[in-house]
Amino acid sequence: MSRQRKQTRRRRVRALLAAFVAGFFLNSCHGPASVFSGGPAVGPMEQPGGRARFCVPRDGEPDFVLGMEDLTDTGDHDLVLDSASLGDAKNLMETGAYVTVVKPHQGGVLGVVPGIPPRFLGQGQASTWAGRRPLAGTVVPPRSSRSYVNLLVVVHSPDPGLDGSVKHLVVHDHSGRQHFVHTGGVEYVMAGTKCRAPRWAR
């Protein structure tokens, strides 16, 4: 191989490496990149507070709306919601995923509501449910906005006589071409008889 050809080959290799490094940092601008893992990264979605456990007696009710969590984008760019799923669920399956965009002057989260159609305890809950929209495609504004998103996941229990539970809700979202996964901080229990304190609290 001539000296000129060797120099040309080295220049091509350097150009390819430079392009790879530039692409890596470009894809990493919103959070930890998934270039090497091949899967979604943990993104700038945040739920205020730590982990919590919420239990409600089901009284034979097979359907519930889980609405204890709100989602906040801590980054500088809009996040687009893609889907929601149940993490480590027992005797529960997802039948719908919605959100409501809550403005600063409006009320709080929906809470956990039994029934479909839901049996609300207050007018505020009914208004929140009426303003719901499909989760997929909803834009969560960045931290410069004071609005937040109330996550509403509808679940159904195949056997309403037994306990149903889900360790956490999982939300997939993206910003540009970067995909993220968010794991919620609330464990939900639909008790077949009565609620019991978790082992760590006894």
N, C-alpha and C. Protein backbone atom coordinates (compact mmCIF):
# COMPACT_ATOMS: atom_id res chain seq x y z
N MET A 1 0.86 -1.19 0.00
CA MET A 1 0.00 0.00 0.00
C MET A 1 0.90 1.25 0.00
N SER A 2 0.59 2.16 -0.90
CA SER A 2 1.40 3.37 -1.01
C SER A 2 1.19 4.27 0.20
N ARG A 3 2.15 5.20 0.38
CA ARG A 3 2.07 6.14 1.51
C ARG A 3 0.84 7.03 1.40
N GLN A 4 0.47 7.43 0.19
CA GLN A 4 -0.69 8.30 0.00
C GLN A 4 -1.97 7.57 0.39
N ARG A 5 -2.06 6.28 0.02
CA ARG A 5 -3.26 5.52 0.37
C ARG A 5 -3.38 5.33 1.88
N LYS A 6 -2.23 5.09 2.56
CA LYS A 6 -2.25 4.94 4.01
C LYS A 6 -2.75 6.21 4.69
N GLN A 7 -2.29 7.37 4.20
CA GLN A 7 -2.73 8.64 4.78
C GLN A 7 -4.22 8.87 4.57
N THR A 8 -4.71 8.51 3.38
CA THR A 8 -6.15 8.66 3.09
C THR A 8 -6.97 7.77 4.00
N ARG A 9 -6.50 6.55 4.24
CA ARG A 9 -7.23 5.62 5.11
C ARG A 9 -7.27 6.12 6.54
N ARG A 10 -6.13 6.66 7.03
CA ARG A 10 -6.10 7.21 8.39
C ARG A 10 -7.09 8.37 8.55
N ARG A 11 -7.15 9.24 7.53
CA ARG A 11 -8.08 10.37 7.59
C ARG A 11 -9.53 9.88 7.66
N ARG A 12 -9.87 8.83 6.91
CA ARG A 12 -11.23 8.30 6.94
C ARG A 12 -11.58 7.72 8.31
N VAL A 13 -10.60 6.99 8.90
CA VAL A 13 -10.83 6.42 10.23
C VAL A 13 -11.05 7.52 11.26
N ARG A 14 -10.22 8.58 11.22
CA ARG A 14 -10.38 9.70 12.15
C ARG A 14 -11.73 10.39 11.96
N ALA A 15 -12.18 10.53 10.72
CA ALA A 15 -13.47 11.17 10.44
C ALA A 15 -14.63 10.34 11.01
N LEU A 16 -14.54 9.00 10.85
CA LEU A 16 -15.59 8.13 11.39
C LEU A 16 -15.64 8.20 12.91
N LEU A 17 -14.46 8.22 13.57
CA LEU A 17 -14.43 8.32 15.02
C LEU A 17 -15.00 9.65 15.50
N ALA A 18 -14.65 10.71 14.80
CA ALA A 18 -15.18 12.03 15.17
C ALA A 18 -16.69 12.08 15.03
N ALA A 19 -17.22 11.46 13.98
CA ALA A 19 -18.68 11.44 13.77
C ALA A 19 -19.37 10.63 14.87
N PHE A 20 -18.74 9.52 15.29
CA PHE A 20 -19.33 8.70 16.35
C PHE A 20 -19.39 9.46 17.67
N VAL A 21 -18.27 10.12 18.02
CA VAL A 21 -18.22 10.87 19.27
C VAL A 21 -19.23 12.01 19.26
N ALA A 22 -19.35 12.70 18.14
CA ALA A 22 -20.33 13.81 18.05
C ALA A 22 -21.75 13.28 18.21
N GLY A 23 -22.03 12.15 17.58
CA GLY A 23 -23.37 11.57 17.71
C GLY A 23 -23.67 11.12 19.12
N PHE A 24 -22.64 10.60 19.81
CA PHE A 24 -22.84 10.17 21.20
C PHE A 24 -23.24 11.34 22.09
N PHE A 25 -22.51 12.44 21.99
CA PHE A 25 -22.82 13.60 22.84
C PHE A 25 -24.13 14.25 22.43
N LEU A 26 -24.47 14.22 21.17
CA LEU A 26 -25.74 14.79 20.73
C LEU A 26 -26.91 14.02 21.31
N ASN A 27 -26.83 12.71 21.32
CA ASN A 27 -27.89 11.89 21.87
C ASN A 27 -27.93 11.93 23.38
N SER A 28 -26.85 12.42 24.01
CA SER A 28 -26.78 12.44 25.47
C SER A 28 -27.22 13.76 26.06
N CYS A 29 -27.67 14.71 25.26
CA CYS A 29 -27.89 16.07 25.76
C CYS A 29 -29.02 16.14 26.76
N HIS A 30 -29.97 15.17 26.76
CA HIS A 30 -31.09 15.24 27.69
C HIS A 30 -30.91 14.32 28.89
N GLY A 31 -29.85 13.56 28.94
CA GLY A 31 -29.67 12.64 30.06
C GLY A 31 -28.74 11.53 29.65
N PRO A 32 -28.59 10.48 30.50
CA PRO A 32 -27.69 9.38 30.20
C PRO A 32 -28.08 8.72 28.90
N ALA A 33 -27.15 8.57 27.99
CA ALA A 33 -27.44 8.03 26.67
C ALA A 33 -27.58 6.53 26.72
N SER A 34 -28.34 5.99 25.76
CA SER A 34 -28.52 4.55 25.65
C SER A 34 -27.79 4.01 24.44
N VAL A 35 -26.71 4.69 24.03
CA VAL A 35 -25.99 4.29 22.83
C VAL A 35 -25.44 2.88 22.98
N PHE A 36 -24.90 2.56 24.17
CA PHE A 36 -24.27 1.27 24.36
C PHE A 36 -25.26 0.22 24.86
N SER A 37 -26.25 0.63 25.67
CA SER A 37 -27.19 -0.34 26.23
C SER A 37 -28.23 -0.77 25.21
N GLY A 38 -28.58 0.10 24.27
CA GLY A 38 -29.58 -0.25 23.28
C GLY A 38 -31.00 -0.05 23.76
N GLY A 39 -31.22 0.31 25.03
CA GLY A 39 -32.55 0.51 25.57
C GLY A 39 -32.75 1.93 26.02
N PRO A 40 -33.98 2.25 26.50
CA PRO A 40 -34.26 3.61 26.95
C PRO A 40 -33.48 3.96 28.21
N ALA A 41 -33.11 5.23 28.34
CA ALA A 41 -32.36 5.70 29.51
C ALA A 41 -33.32 6.26 30.55
N VAL A 42 -32.82 6.46 31.76
CA VAL A 42 -33.57 7.14 32.81
C VAL A 42 -33.51 8.63 32.50
N GLY A 43 -34.65 9.23 32.20
CA GLY A 43 -34.67 10.60 31.73
C GLY A 43 -35.00 11.62 32.80
N PRO A 44 -35.31 12.85 32.38
CA PRO A 44 -35.54 13.96 33.31
C PRO A 44 -36.96 14.04 33.85
N MET A 45 -37.65 12.89 33.95
CA MET A 45 -38.99 12.87 34.53
C MET A 45 -38.87 12.64 36.02
N GLU A 46 -39.62 13.42 36.78
CA GLU A 46 -39.51 13.35 38.23
C GLU A 46 -40.88 13.35 38.86
N GLN A 47 -41.03 12.56 39.93
CA GLN A 47 -42.24 12.64 40.75
C GLN A 47 -41.84 13.18 42.11
N PRO A 48 -42.42 14.30 42.56
CA PRO A 48 -42.04 14.87 43.85
C PRO A 48 -42.23 13.88 44.99
N GLY A 49 -41.32 13.90 45.96
CA GLY A 49 -41.41 13.00 47.11
C GLY A 49 -40.74 11.67 46.86
N GLY A 50 -40.71 10.83 47.89
CA GLY A 50 -40.11 9.51 47.78
C GLY A 50 -41.14 8.45 47.48
N ARG A 51 -40.84 7.21 47.87
CA ARG A 51 -41.76 6.11 47.63
C ARG A 51 -42.89 6.13 48.65
N ALA A 52 -44.06 5.61 48.22
CA ALA A 52 -45.23 5.57 49.09
C ALA A 52 -46.03 4.30 48.77
N ARG A 53 -46.91 3.94 49.68
CA ARG A 53 -47.78 2.77 49.49
C ARG A 53 -49.21 3.20 49.75
N PHE A 54 -50.10 2.88 48.82
CA PHE A 54 -51.51 3.28 48.96
C PHE A 54 -52.37 2.03 48.87
N CYS A 55 -53.19 1.81 49.89
CA CYS A 55 -54.07 0.64 49.94
C CYS A 55 -55.52 1.08 50.09
N VAL A 56 -56.41 0.40 49.37
CA VAL A 56 -57.84 0.70 49.46
C VAL A 56 -58.61 -0.63 49.43
N PRO A 57 -59.60 -0.82 50.34
CA PRO A 57 -60.43 -2.03 50.28
C PRO A 57 -61.25 -2.03 48.99
N ARG A 58 -61.29 -3.16 48.32
CA ARG A 58 -61.94 -3.17 47.01
C ARG A 58 -63.43 -3.50 47.08
N ASP A 59 -63.90 -4.20 48.13
CA ASP A 59 -65.32 -4.50 48.29
C ASP A 59 -65.92 -5.13 47.03
N GLY A 60 -65.16 -6.03 46.41
CA GLY A 60 -65.66 -6.74 45.23
C GLY A 60 -65.57 -5.95 43.93
N GLU A 61 -65.03 -4.74 43.98
CA GLU A 61 -64.92 -3.89 42.78
C GLU A 61 -63.76 -4.37 41.90
N PRO A 62 -64.01 -4.65 40.61
CA PRO A 62 -62.92 -5.12 39.74
C PRO A 62 -62.11 -4.01 39.08
N ASP A 63 -62.66 -2.78 39.00
CA ASP A 63 -62.01 -1.71 38.25
C ASP A 63 -61.67 -0.52 39.14
N PHE A 64 -60.49 0.05 38.89
CA PHE A 64 -60.04 1.23 39.64
C PHE A 64 -59.27 2.17 38.70
N VAL A 65 -59.27 3.44 39.07
CA VAL A 65 -58.41 4.43 38.42
C VAL A 65 -57.30 4.79 39.40
N LEU A 66 -56.05 4.58 38.98
CA LEU A 66 -54.90 4.91 39.81
C LEU A 66 -54.40 6.29 39.41
N GLY A 67 -54.58 7.26 40.30
CA GLY A 67 -54.23 8.64 39.95
C GLY A 67 -53.55 9.39 41.06
N MET A 68 -52.62 8.72 41.76
CA MET A 68 -51.92 9.35 42.88
C MET A 68 -50.64 10.07 42.48
N GLU A 69 -50.23 9.95 41.22
CA GLU A 69 -48.90 10.44 40.84
C GLU A 69 -48.97 11.57 39.82
N ASP A 70 -48.09 12.55 40.01
CA ASP A 70 -47.95 13.59 39.00
C ASP A 70 -46.53 13.54 38.44
N LEU A 71 -46.39 13.97 37.22
CA LEU A 71 -45.13 13.88 36.49
C LEU A 71 -44.62 15.28 36.18
N THR A 72 -43.34 15.52 36.45
CA THR A 72 -42.72 16.81 36.20
C THR A 72 -41.46 16.61 35.37
N ASP A 73 -41.31 17.42 34.34
CA ASP A 73 -40.12 17.38 33.49
C ASP A 73 -39.07 18.31 34.11
N THR A 74 -37.96 17.74 34.58
CA THR A 74 -36.92 18.55 35.22
C THR A 74 -35.88 19.04 34.22
N GLY A 75 -36.05 18.70 32.95
CA GLY A 75 -35.09 19.12 31.93
C GLY A 75 -35.45 20.45 31.31
N ASP A 76 -34.80 20.75 30.20
CA ASP A 76 -35.01 22.02 29.50
C ASP A 76 -35.80 21.88 28.21
N HIS A 77 -36.22 20.66 27.88
CA HIS A 77 -36.94 20.41 26.65
C HIS A 77 -38.23 19.64 26.93
N ASP A 78 -39.22 19.80 26.06
CA ASP A 78 -40.48 19.07 26.21
C ASP A 78 -40.23 17.57 26.18
N LEU A 79 -41.01 16.83 26.98
CA LEU A 79 -41.03 15.37 26.92
C LEU A 79 -42.38 14.94 26.35
N VAL A 80 -42.38 13.97 25.45
CA VAL A 80 -43.60 13.44 24.86
C VAL A 80 -43.86 12.06 25.44
N LEU A 81 -45.03 11.86 26.05
CA LEU A 81 -45.38 10.57 26.64
C LEU A 81 -45.75 9.56 25.56
N ASP A 82 -45.28 8.33 25.73
CA ASP A 82 -45.55 7.28 24.75
C ASP A 82 -46.52 6.22 25.28
N SER A 83 -46.28 5.71 26.48
CA SER A 83 -47.12 4.63 27.01
C SER A 83 -46.91 4.51 28.51
N ALA A 84 -47.83 3.78 29.16
CA ALA A 84 -47.71 3.46 30.58
C ALA A 84 -48.02 1.98 30.76
N SER A 85 -47.37 1.37 31.74
CA SER A 85 -47.59 -0.06 32.00
C SER A 85 -47.49 -0.31 33.50
N LEU A 86 -47.86 -1.53 33.92
CA LEU A 86 -47.82 -1.92 35.32
C LEU A 86 -46.54 -2.69 35.60
N GLY A 87 -45.84 -2.30 36.66
CA GLY A 87 -44.62 -2.99 37.05
C GLY A 87 -44.88 -3.97 38.18
N ASP A 88 -44.60 -5.26 37.93
CA ASP A 88 -44.76 -6.32 38.94
C ASP A 88 -46.20 -6.34 39.48
N ALA A 89 -47.15 -6.51 38.57
CA ALA A 89 -48.57 -6.50 38.95
C ALA A 89 -49.07 -7.90 39.27
N LYS A 90 -49.99 -7.99 40.24
CA LYS A 90 -50.63 -9.24 40.62
C LYS A 90 -52.14 -9.05 40.61
N ASN A 91 -52.83 -9.87 39.84
CA ASN A 91 -54.30 -9.83 39.75
C ASN A 91 -54.81 -8.48 39.27
N LEU A 92 -53.99 -7.78 38.47
CA LEU A 92 -54.39 -6.51 37.87
C LEU A 92 -53.85 -6.43 36.45
N MET A 93 -54.62 -5.84 35.56
CA MET A 93 -54.17 -5.58 34.20
C MET A 93 -54.59 -4.17 33.79
N GLU A 94 -53.77 -3.54 32.97
CA GLU A 94 -54.08 -2.19 32.50
C GLU A 94 -55.12 -2.23 31.40
N THR A 95 -56.13 -1.37 31.50
CA THR A 95 -57.16 -1.27 30.46
C THR A 95 -57.23 0.13 29.85
N GLY A 96 -56.44 1.08 30.36
CA GLY A 96 -56.44 2.42 29.80
C GLY A 96 -55.41 3.29 30.47
N ALA A 97 -54.89 4.27 29.74
CA ALA A 97 -53.89 5.20 30.30
C ALA A 97 -54.22 6.60 29.82
N TYR A 98 -54.39 7.52 30.78
CA TYR A 98 -54.77 8.89 30.48
C TYR A 98 -53.93 9.85 31.33
N VAL A 99 -54.05 11.12 31.05
CA VAL A 99 -53.42 12.16 31.88
C VAL A 99 -54.34 13.37 31.90
N THR A 100 -54.13 14.20 32.91
CA THR A 100 -54.73 15.54 32.92
C THR A 100 -53.59 16.52 33.16
N VAL A 101 -53.61 17.64 32.45
CA VAL A 101 -52.62 18.69 32.66
C VAL A 101 -53.17 19.64 33.71
N VAL A 102 -52.50 19.72 34.85
CA VAL A 102 -52.97 20.51 35.98
C VAL A 102 -52.25 21.86 36.00
N LYS A 103 -53.01 22.92 35.96
CA LYS A 103 -52.45 24.28 35.99
C LYS A 103 -52.21 24.70 37.45
N PRO A 104 -51.38 25.73 37.67
CA PRO A 104 -51.05 26.14 39.04
C PRO A 104 -52.26 26.49 39.89
N HIS A 105 -53.33 27.05 39.29
CA HIS A 105 -54.48 27.49 40.07
C HIS A 105 -55.51 26.39 40.28
N GLN A 106 -55.27 25.19 39.68
CA GLN A 106 -56.23 24.11 39.79
C GLN A 106 -55.91 23.22 40.99
N GLY A 107 -56.76 22.20 41.19
CA GLY A 107 -56.59 21.30 42.33
C GLY A 107 -55.46 20.32 42.15
N GLY A 108 -55.40 19.32 43.06
CA GLY A 108 -54.33 18.34 43.05
C GLY A 108 -54.65 17.12 42.21
N VAL A 109 -54.05 15.99 42.59
CA VAL A 109 -54.20 14.76 41.82
C VAL A 109 -55.57 14.13 42.07
N LEU A 110 -55.96 13.22 41.17
CA LEU A 110 -57.27 12.58 41.24
C LEU A 110 -57.39 11.66 42.46
N GLY A 111 -56.33 10.90 42.76
CA GLY A 111 -56.38 9.90 43.82
C GLY A 111 -56.70 8.53 43.24
N VAL A 112 -57.11 7.59 44.09
CA VAL A 112 -57.52 6.26 43.65
C VAL A 112 -59.04 6.19 43.74
N VAL A 113 -59.68 5.91 42.61
CA VAL A 113 -61.14 5.97 42.51
C VAL A 113 -61.67 4.63 42.02
N PRO A 114 -62.67 4.05 42.70
CA PRO A 114 -63.22 2.77 42.26
C PRO A 114 -64.24 2.95 41.14
N GLY A 115 -64.36 1.88 40.33
CA GLY A 115 -65.43 1.81 39.33
C GLY A 115 -65.10 2.42 37.99
N ILE A 116 -65.73 1.87 36.95
CA ILE A 116 -65.74 2.43 35.61
C ILE A 116 -67.17 2.31 35.09
N PRO A 117 -67.90 3.45 34.96
CA PRO A 117 -67.45 4.82 35.24
C PRO A 117 -67.08 5.01 36.71
N PRO A 118 -66.14 5.91 36.99
CA PRO A 118 -65.68 6.10 38.36
C PRO A 118 -66.76 6.64 39.29
N ARG A 119 -66.70 6.20 40.54
CA ARG A 119 -67.61 6.71 41.57
C ARG A 119 -66.84 7.75 42.38
N PHE A 120 -67.02 9.00 42.03
CA PHE A 120 -66.23 10.07 42.62
C PHE A 120 -66.73 10.46 44.00
N LEU A 121 -65.78 10.97 44.81
CA LEU A 121 -66.13 11.44 46.14
C LEU A 121 -66.37 12.95 46.17
N GLY A 122 -65.89 13.66 45.15
CA GLY A 122 -66.05 15.11 45.14
C GLY A 122 -66.13 15.66 43.73
N GLN A 123 -66.61 16.89 43.61
CA GLN A 123 -66.76 17.54 42.31
C GLN A 123 -65.41 17.75 41.64
N GLY A 124 -64.36 18.00 42.44
CA GLY A 124 -63.04 18.21 41.87
C GLY A 124 -62.54 16.98 41.12
N GLN A 125 -62.81 15.79 41.67
CA GLN A 125 -62.42 14.55 41.00
C GLN A 125 -63.16 14.40 39.67
N ALA A 126 -64.44 14.70 39.67
CA ALA A 126 -65.23 14.59 38.43
C ALA A 126 -64.70 15.54 37.36
N SER A 127 -64.31 16.73 37.76
CA SER A 127 -63.76 17.69 36.79
C SER A 127 -62.43 17.22 36.24
N THR A 128 -61.59 16.66 37.11
CA THR A 128 -60.29 16.15 36.67
C THR A 128 -60.46 15.02 35.66
N TRP A 129 -61.38 14.11 35.95
CA TRP A 129 -61.64 12.97 35.04
C TRP A 129 -62.21 13.45 33.72
N ALA A 130 -63.10 14.42 33.77
CA ALA A 130 -63.73 14.93 32.55
C ALA A 130 -62.69 15.58 31.63
N GLY A 131 -61.62 16.13 32.20
CA GLY A 131 -60.59 16.80 31.41
C GLY A 131 -59.46 15.89 30.97
N ARG A 132 -59.63 14.59 31.13
CA ARG A 132 -58.56 13.65 30.78
C ARG A 132 -58.34 13.61 29.27
N ARG A 133 -57.16 13.18 28.88
CA ARG A 133 -56.81 12.97 27.48
C ARG A 133 -55.97 11.70 27.39
N PRO A 134 -55.90 11.06 26.24
CA PRO A 134 -55.04 9.88 26.11
C PRO A 134 -53.60 10.20 26.46
N LEU A 135 -52.94 9.28 27.15
CA LEU A 135 -51.55 9.52 27.55
C LEU A 135 -50.64 9.67 26.34
N ALA A 136 -50.76 8.77 25.37
CA ALA A 136 -49.85 8.76 24.22
C ALA A 136 -49.93 10.08 23.47
N GLY A 137 -48.79 10.74 23.30
CA GLY A 137 -48.73 11.99 22.56
C GLY A 137 -48.81 13.24 23.41
N THR A 138 -49.13 13.10 24.70
CA THR A 138 -49.20 14.27 25.58
C THR A 138 -47.80 14.83 25.82
N VAL A 139 -47.68 16.15 25.77
CA VAL A 139 -46.40 16.81 25.98
C VAL A 139 -46.31 17.30 27.43
N VAL A 140 -45.24 16.92 28.11
CA VAL A 140 -44.97 17.40 29.47
C VAL A 140 -44.02 18.59 29.36
N PRO A 141 -44.42 19.77 29.80
CA PRO A 141 -43.57 20.96 29.64
C PRO A 141 -42.34 20.89 30.52
N PRO A 142 -41.27 21.59 30.15
CA PRO A 142 -40.04 21.59 30.96
C PRO A 142 -40.22 22.36 32.25
N ARG A 143 -39.16 22.39 33.06
CA ARG A 143 -39.23 22.95 34.40
C ARG A 143 -39.52 24.44 34.41
N SER A 144 -39.40 25.08 33.25
CA SER A 144 -39.72 26.50 33.19
C SER A 144 -41.22 26.75 33.34
N SER A 145 -42.02 25.67 33.18
CA SER A 145 -43.47 25.79 33.32
C SER A 145 -43.89 25.29 34.71
N ARG A 146 -44.92 25.89 35.27
CA ARG A 146 -45.40 25.47 36.58
C ARG A 146 -46.51 24.43 36.48
N SER A 147 -46.91 24.07 35.28
CA SER A 147 -47.93 23.03 35.10
C SER A 147 -47.30 21.66 35.29
N TYR A 148 -48.13 20.68 35.67
CA TYR A 148 -47.64 19.31 35.75
C TYR A 148 -48.73 18.36 35.24
N VAL A 149 -48.37 17.11 35.10
CA VAL A 149 -49.27 16.12 34.50
C VAL A 149 -49.66 15.09 35.57
N ASN A 150 -50.97 14.89 35.76
CA ASN A 150 -51.49 13.86 36.66
C ASN A 150 -51.69 12.58 35.85
N LEU A 151 -50.97 11.53 36.22
CA LEU A 151 -51.03 10.24 35.53
C LEU A 151 -52.26 9.47 36.00
N LEU A 152 -53.08 8.98 35.06
CA LEU A 152 -54.30 8.23 35.37
C LEU A 152 -54.25 6.89 34.64
N VAL A 153 -54.09 5.80 35.38
CA VAL A 153 -54.03 4.47 34.77
C VAL A 153 -55.23 3.66 35.26
N VAL A 154 -56.02 3.13 34.33
CA VAL A 154 -57.20 2.32 34.65
C VAL A 154 -56.79 0.86 34.70
N VAL A 155 -57.16 0.17 35.78
CA VAL A 155 -56.80 -1.24 35.94
C VAL A 155 -58.05 -2.07 36.17
N HIS A 156 -57.95 -3.35 35.79
CA HIS A 156 -59.04 -4.31 35.98
C HIS A 156 -58.48 -5.57 36.62
N SER A 157 -59.25 -6.13 37.56
CA SER A 157 -58.83 -7.34 38.25
C SER A 157 -59.65 -8.53 37.75
N PRO A 158 -59.01 -9.58 37.23
CA PRO A 158 -59.75 -10.77 36.79
C PRO A 158 -60.50 -11.45 37.92
N ASP A 159 -59.97 -11.38 39.15
CA ASP A 159 -60.64 -11.99 40.31
C ASP A 159 -60.79 -10.93 41.39
N PRO A 160 -61.91 -10.22 41.43
CA PRO A 160 -62.09 -9.12 42.39
C PRO A 160 -62.22 -9.56 43.83
N GLY A 161 -62.29 -10.88 44.08
CA GLY A 161 -62.38 -11.36 45.45
C GLY A 161 -61.03 -11.47 46.13
N LEU A 162 -59.95 -11.35 45.35
CA LEU A 162 -58.60 -11.46 45.89
C LEU A 162 -57.87 -10.13 45.82
N ASP A 163 -56.76 -10.04 46.56
CA ASP A 163 -55.96 -8.83 46.52
C ASP A 163 -55.41 -8.59 45.12
N GLY A 164 -55.31 -7.32 44.75
CA GLY A 164 -54.63 -6.94 43.53
C GLY A 164 -53.58 -5.89 43.88
N SER A 165 -52.45 -5.93 43.21
CA SER A 165 -51.40 -4.97 43.56
C SER A 165 -50.50 -4.70 42.36
N VAL A 166 -49.83 -3.56 42.41
CA VAL A 166 -48.82 -3.20 41.43
C VAL A 166 -47.72 -2.44 42.17
N LYS A 167 -46.47 -2.89 42.00
CA LYS A 167 -45.34 -2.30 42.72
C LYS A 167 -45.07 -0.86 42.29
N HIS A 168 -45.23 -0.60 40.99
CA HIS A 168 -44.99 0.75 40.49
C HIS A 168 -45.55 0.86 39.08
N LEU A 169 -45.83 2.08 38.67
CA LEU A 169 -46.23 2.36 37.30
C LEU A 169 -44.99 2.75 36.50
N VAL A 170 -44.96 2.34 35.24
CA VAL A 170 -43.82 2.60 34.36
C VAL A 170 -44.29 3.46 33.19
N VAL A 171 -43.61 4.57 32.95
CA VAL A 171 -43.97 5.49 31.87
C VAL A 171 -42.81 5.58 30.88
N HIS A 172 -43.11 5.39 29.61
CA HIS A 172 -42.12 5.57 28.55
C HIS A 172 -42.38 6.92 27.86
N ASP A 173 -41.31 7.66 27.61
CA ASP A 173 -41.44 8.96 26.97
C ASP A 173 -40.20 9.22 26.12
N HIS A 174 -40.23 10.31 25.37
CA HIS A 174 -39.08 10.64 24.53
C HIS A 174 -38.97 12.15 24.34
N SER A 175 -37.77 12.58 23.98
CA SER A 175 -37.50 13.95 23.60
C SER A 175 -36.61 13.89 22.37
N GLY A 176 -37.14 14.33 21.24
CA GLY A 176 -36.42 14.14 19.99
C GLY A 176 -36.29 12.67 19.68
N ARG A 177 -35.07 12.20 19.43
CA ARG A 177 -34.84 10.79 19.15
C ARG A 177 -34.37 10.01 20.36
N GLN A 178 -34.29 10.68 21.51
CA GLN A 178 -33.84 10.02 22.74
C GLN A 178 -35.04 9.50 23.51
N HIS A 179 -35.04 8.21 23.85
CA HIS A 179 -36.15 7.58 24.56
C HIS A 179 -35.77 7.33 26.02
N PHE A 180 -36.76 7.52 26.91
CA PHE A 180 -36.54 7.39 28.35
C PHE A 180 -37.59 6.48 28.96
N VAL A 181 -37.28 6.01 30.18
CA VAL A 181 -38.25 5.24 30.96
C VAL A 181 -38.28 5.80 32.38
N HIS A 182 -39.48 5.99 32.91
CA HIS A 182 -39.67 6.54 34.26
C HIS A 182 -40.39 5.50 35.11
N THR A 183 -39.84 5.20 36.28
CA THR A 183 -40.46 4.27 37.22
C THR A 183 -41.10 5.07 38.35
N GLY A 184 -42.40 4.89 38.54
CA GLY A 184 -43.13 5.65 39.55
C GLY A 184 -42.73 5.28 40.97
N GLY A 185 -43.17 6.10 41.92
CA GLY A 185 -42.77 5.91 43.31
C GLY A 185 -43.90 5.47 44.23
N VAL A 186 -45.04 5.00 43.67
CA VAL A 186 -46.17 4.61 44.51
C VAL A 186 -46.52 3.14 44.25
N GLU A 187 -46.65 2.38 45.33
CA GLU A 187 -47.16 1.01 45.26
C GLU A 187 -48.65 1.04 45.55
N TYR A 188 -49.45 0.37 44.72
CA TYR A 188 -50.91 0.35 44.88
C TYR A 188 -51.36 -1.04 45.30
N VAL A 189 -52.28 -1.09 46.28
CA VAL A 189 -52.86 -2.36 46.72
C VAL A 189 -54.37 -2.22 46.76
N MET A 190 -55.07 -3.10 46.03
CA MET A 190 -56.51 -3.20 46.12
C MET A 190 -56.82 -4.43 46.97
N ALA A 191 -57.15 -4.22 48.25
CA ALA A 191 -57.27 -5.31 49.21
C ALA A 191 -58.61 -6.03 49.06
N GLY A 192 -58.56 -7.36 49.02
CA GLY A 192 -59.79 -8.14 48.90
C GLY A 192 -60.64 -8.06 50.14
N THR A 193 -60.04 -7.92 51.31
CA THR A 193 -60.79 -7.84 52.56
C THR A 193 -60.52 -6.51 53.26
N LYS A 194 -59.33 -6.39 53.83
CA LYS A 194 -58.97 -5.13 54.49
C LYS A 194 -57.49 -4.85 54.28
N CYS A 195 -57.14 -3.59 54.42
CA CYS A 195 -55.75 -3.20 54.21
C CYS A 195 -54.91 -3.59 55.43
N ARG A 196 -53.73 -4.10 55.15
CA ARG A 196 -52.78 -4.45 56.21
C ARG A 196 -51.52 -3.64 56.03
N ALA A 197 -50.89 -3.32 57.14
CA ALA A 197 -49.63 -2.58 57.08
C ALA A 197 -48.56 -3.47 56.44
N PRO A 198 -47.70 -2.90 55.61
CA PRO A 198 -46.61 -3.70 55.03
C PRO A 198 -45.69 -4.22 56.12
N ARG A 199 -44.93 -5.27 55.82
CA ARG A 199 -44.08 -5.92 56.82
C ARG A 199 -43.10 -4.94 57.45
N TRP A 200 -42.57 -4.01 56.62
CA TRP A 200 -41.56 -3.10 57.15
C TRP A 200 -42.14 -2.11 58.14
N ALA A 201 -43.49 -1.97 58.17
CA ALA A 201 -44.12 -1.01 59.09
C ALA A 201 -44.71 -1.67 60.33
N ARG A 202 -44.63 -3.01 60.40
CA ARG A 202 -45.21 -3.71 61.56
C ARG A 202 -44.27 -3.69 62.75
